[in-house]
Protein backbone atom coordinates (compact mmCIF):
# COMPACT_ATOMS: atom_id res chain seq x y z
CA UNK A 1 -1.31 34.70 12.59
CA UNK A 2 -1.64 32.11 9.84
CA UNK A 3 -2.16 28.47 10.49
CA UNK A 4 -1.03 26.12 7.79
CA UNK A 5 -3.21 23.08 7.42
CA UNK A 6 -1.55 19.82 6.52
CA UNK A 7 -2.29 18.70 2.98
CA UNK A 8 -4.65 15.76 2.64
CA UNK A 9 -2.97 12.35 2.82
CA UNK A 10 -3.59 9.39 0.54
CA UNK A 11 -2.07 6.09 1.67
CA UNK A 12 -1.75 3.38 -0.97
CA UNK A 13 -0.73 -0.23 -0.49
CA UNK A 14 2.02 -1.28 -2.90
CA UNK A 15 3.33 -4.83 -3.18
CA UNK A 16 4.50 -4.81 -6.79
CA UNK A 17 1.42 -6.66 -8.09
CA UNK A 18 -0.55 -5.32 -11.04
CA UNK A 19 -3.46 -4.61 -8.69
CA UNK A 20 -1.28 -2.46 -6.43
CA UNK A 21 0.22 -0.71 -9.46
CA UNK A 22 -3.31 0.19 -10.61
CA UNK A 23 -4.10 1.50 -7.10
CA UNK A 24 -0.90 3.58 -7.13
CA UNK A 25 -1.75 5.07 -10.56
CA UNK A 26 -5.24 5.98 -9.34
CA UNK A 27 -3.97 7.42 -6.05
CA UNK A 28 -1.31 9.51 -7.81
CA UNK A 29 -3.93 11.05 -10.12
CA UNK A 30 -6.18 11.77 -7.14
CA UNK A 31 -3.29 13.28 -5.17
CA UNK A 32 -2.45 15.56 -8.10
CA UNK A 33 -6.08 16.69 -8.40
CA UNK A 34 -6.53 17.35 -4.68
CA UNK A 35 -3.07 18.59 -3.68
CA UNK A 36 -2.66 15.58 -1.43
CA UNK A 37 0.50 13.96 -0.18
CA UNK A 38 0.92 10.39 -1.43
CA UNK A 39 2.25 7.73 0.94
CA UNK A 40 2.91 4.40 -0.81
CA UNK A 41 3.31 1.69 1.84
CA UNK A 42 4.86 -1.75 1.38
CA UNK A 43 4.41 -4.29 4.18
CA UNK A 44 6.82 -7.17 4.57
CA UNK A 45 7.27 -10.07 6.95
CA UNK A 46 9.34 -13.21 7.28
CA UNK A 47 7.99 -16.17 5.31
CA UNK A 48 6.18 -18.80 7.39
CA UNK A 49 8.32 -21.81 8.32
CA UNK A 50 5.59 -24.29 9.35
CA UNK A 51 7.65 -25.58 12.28
CA UNK A 52 10.82 -26.12 10.30
CA UNK A 53 13.66 -23.82 11.36
CA UNK A 54 14.86 -21.63 8.53
CA UNK A 55 18.02 -19.57 8.29
CA UNK A 56 17.24 -16.21 6.72
CA UNK A 57 20.62 -14.76 7.68
CA UNK A 58 21.59 -14.10 4.07
CA UNK A 59 18.30 -12.45 3.13
CA UNK A 60 17.42 -8.84 3.84
CA UNK A 61 13.63 -8.88 3.44
CA UNK A 62 13.27 -5.22 4.38
CA UNK A 63 15.80 -4.19 1.73
CA UNK A 64 14.00 -6.30 -0.89
CA UNK A 65 10.69 -4.71 0.08
CA UNK A 66 12.19 -1.21 -0.13
CA UNK A 67 13.67 -1.93 -3.56
CA UNK A 68 10.32 -3.28 -4.80
CA UNK A 69 8.48 -0.24 -3.47
CA UNK A 70 10.91 2.32 -4.88
CA UNK A 71 11.11 0.57 -8.25
CA UNK A 72 7.32 0.40 -8.50
CA UNK A 73 6.88 4.04 -7.49
CA UNK A 74 9.45 5.16 -10.07
CA UNK A 75 7.95 2.99 -12.82
CA UNK A 76 4.43 4.28 -12.18
CA UNK A 77 5.11 7.91 -11.23
CA UNK A 78 8.42 8.59 -12.98
CA UNK A 79 11.48 10.22 -11.48
CA UNK A 80 9.74 13.54 -10.86
CA UNK A 81 6.15 12.94 -9.81
CA UNK A 82 3.91 15.98 -9.66
CA UNK A 83 2.92 15.15 -6.07
CA UNK A 84 4.72 14.87 -2.75
CA UNK A 85 5.60 11.20 -2.24
CA UNK A 86 6.61 9.65 1.08
CA UNK A 87 7.28 5.91 0.53
CA UNK A 88 7.33 3.71 3.62
CA UNK A 89 8.33 0.10 4.26
CA UNK A 90 6.87 -1.48 7.39
CA UNK A 91 7.25 -4.95 8.88
CA UNK A 92 3.98 -6.73 9.57
CA UNK A 93 0.88 -8.24 8.06
CA UNK A 94 -0.28 -6.06 5.14
CA UNK A 95 -3.82 -5.58 6.46
CA UNK A 96 -2.64 -4.39 9.88
CA UNK A 97 0.17 -2.27 8.43
CA UNK A 98 -2.15 -0.51 5.98
CA UNK A 99 -4.94 0.20 8.45
CA UNK A 100 -2.39 1.61 10.91
CA UNK A 101 -0.66 3.68 8.19
CA UNK A 102 -4.06 5.11 7.22
CA UNK A 103 -5.08 5.97 10.78
CA UNK A 104 -4.77 9.73 10.07
CA UNK A 105 -5.16 9.56 6.30
CA UNK A 106 -7.95 11.02 4.23
CA UNK A 107 -8.08 7.98 1.93
CA UNK A 108 -6.61 4.48 1.72
CA UNK A 109 -6.26 2.92 -1.75
CA UNK A 110 -5.56 -0.79 -2.13
CA UNK A 111 -5.51 -3.17 -5.04
CA UNK A 112 -7.79 -6.16 -5.29
CA UNK A 113 -6.17 -9.40 -6.36
CA UNK A 114 -9.65 -10.62 -7.28
CA UNK A 115 -9.53 -14.05 -5.67
CA UNK A 116 -13.29 -13.98 -5.22
CA UNK A 117 -15.41 -14.49 -2.14
CA UNK A 118 -14.73 -18.16 -1.45
CA UNK A 119 -10.96 -18.05 -1.96
CA UNK A 120 -10.85 -14.77 -0.07
CA UNK A 121 -12.44 -16.48 2.93
CA UNK A 122 -9.85 -19.25 2.81
CA UNK A 123 -6.82 -17.06 2.29
CA UNK A 124 -7.92 -13.87 3.99
CA UNK A 125 -8.27 -10.62 2.15
CA UNK A 126 -6.21 -7.51 2.78
CA UNK A 127 -8.66 -5.29 0.92
CA UNK A 128 -11.62 -6.72 2.83
CA UNK A 129 -9.85 -6.17 6.16
CA UNK A 130 -9.01 -2.59 5.19
CA UNK A 131 -12.60 -1.84 4.19
CA UNK A 132 -13.83 -3.24 7.52
CA UNK A 133 -11.22 -1.69 9.83
CA UNK A 134 -9.72 1.49 8.35
CA UNK A 135 -10.68 4.76 10.00
CA UNK A 136 -10.86 6.56 6.65
CA UNK A 137 -12.57 5.90 3.32
CA UNK A 138 -11.07 2.96 1.39
CA UNK A 139 -10.89 2.61 -2.37
CA UNK A 140 -10.36 -0.90 -3.76
CA UNK A 141 -8.93 -0.84 -7.28
CA UNK A 142 -9.02 -3.85 -9.58
CA UNK A 143 -5.96 -4.68 -11.72
CA UNK A 144 -7.70 -3.30 -14.80
CA UNK A 145 -8.07 0.08 -13.02
CA UNK A 146 -11.80 -0.18 -12.26
């Protein structure tokens, strides 16, 4: 009787930024080297309204997120990537979405927008949250690929 082990899983946060594109490039190379499945994840949520009612009836935020994710994946990996790719679009705060998506992953790769320590404290930092709360190793990639 043979038991087939699942291939390793690399989750990568993709929001269309140059930092996330660098993380996706790195993760795709790593997936190819290790035979891993690649799961690019794009988190989306409604924009804050600050107490003013807003009508978002004409806007499909999930569709926009999916289009951004698929376009980015195709631009970075091409039409026929050499690895298994399972793109996912999830509603929620990026930090929470990524740590949950990586719950059973072997690696989580995220881009760093490089706001620095002080600005990061004011704005919050997805990469910092992931490093602190993910249940797997986390790689933070700078926009220049370092």
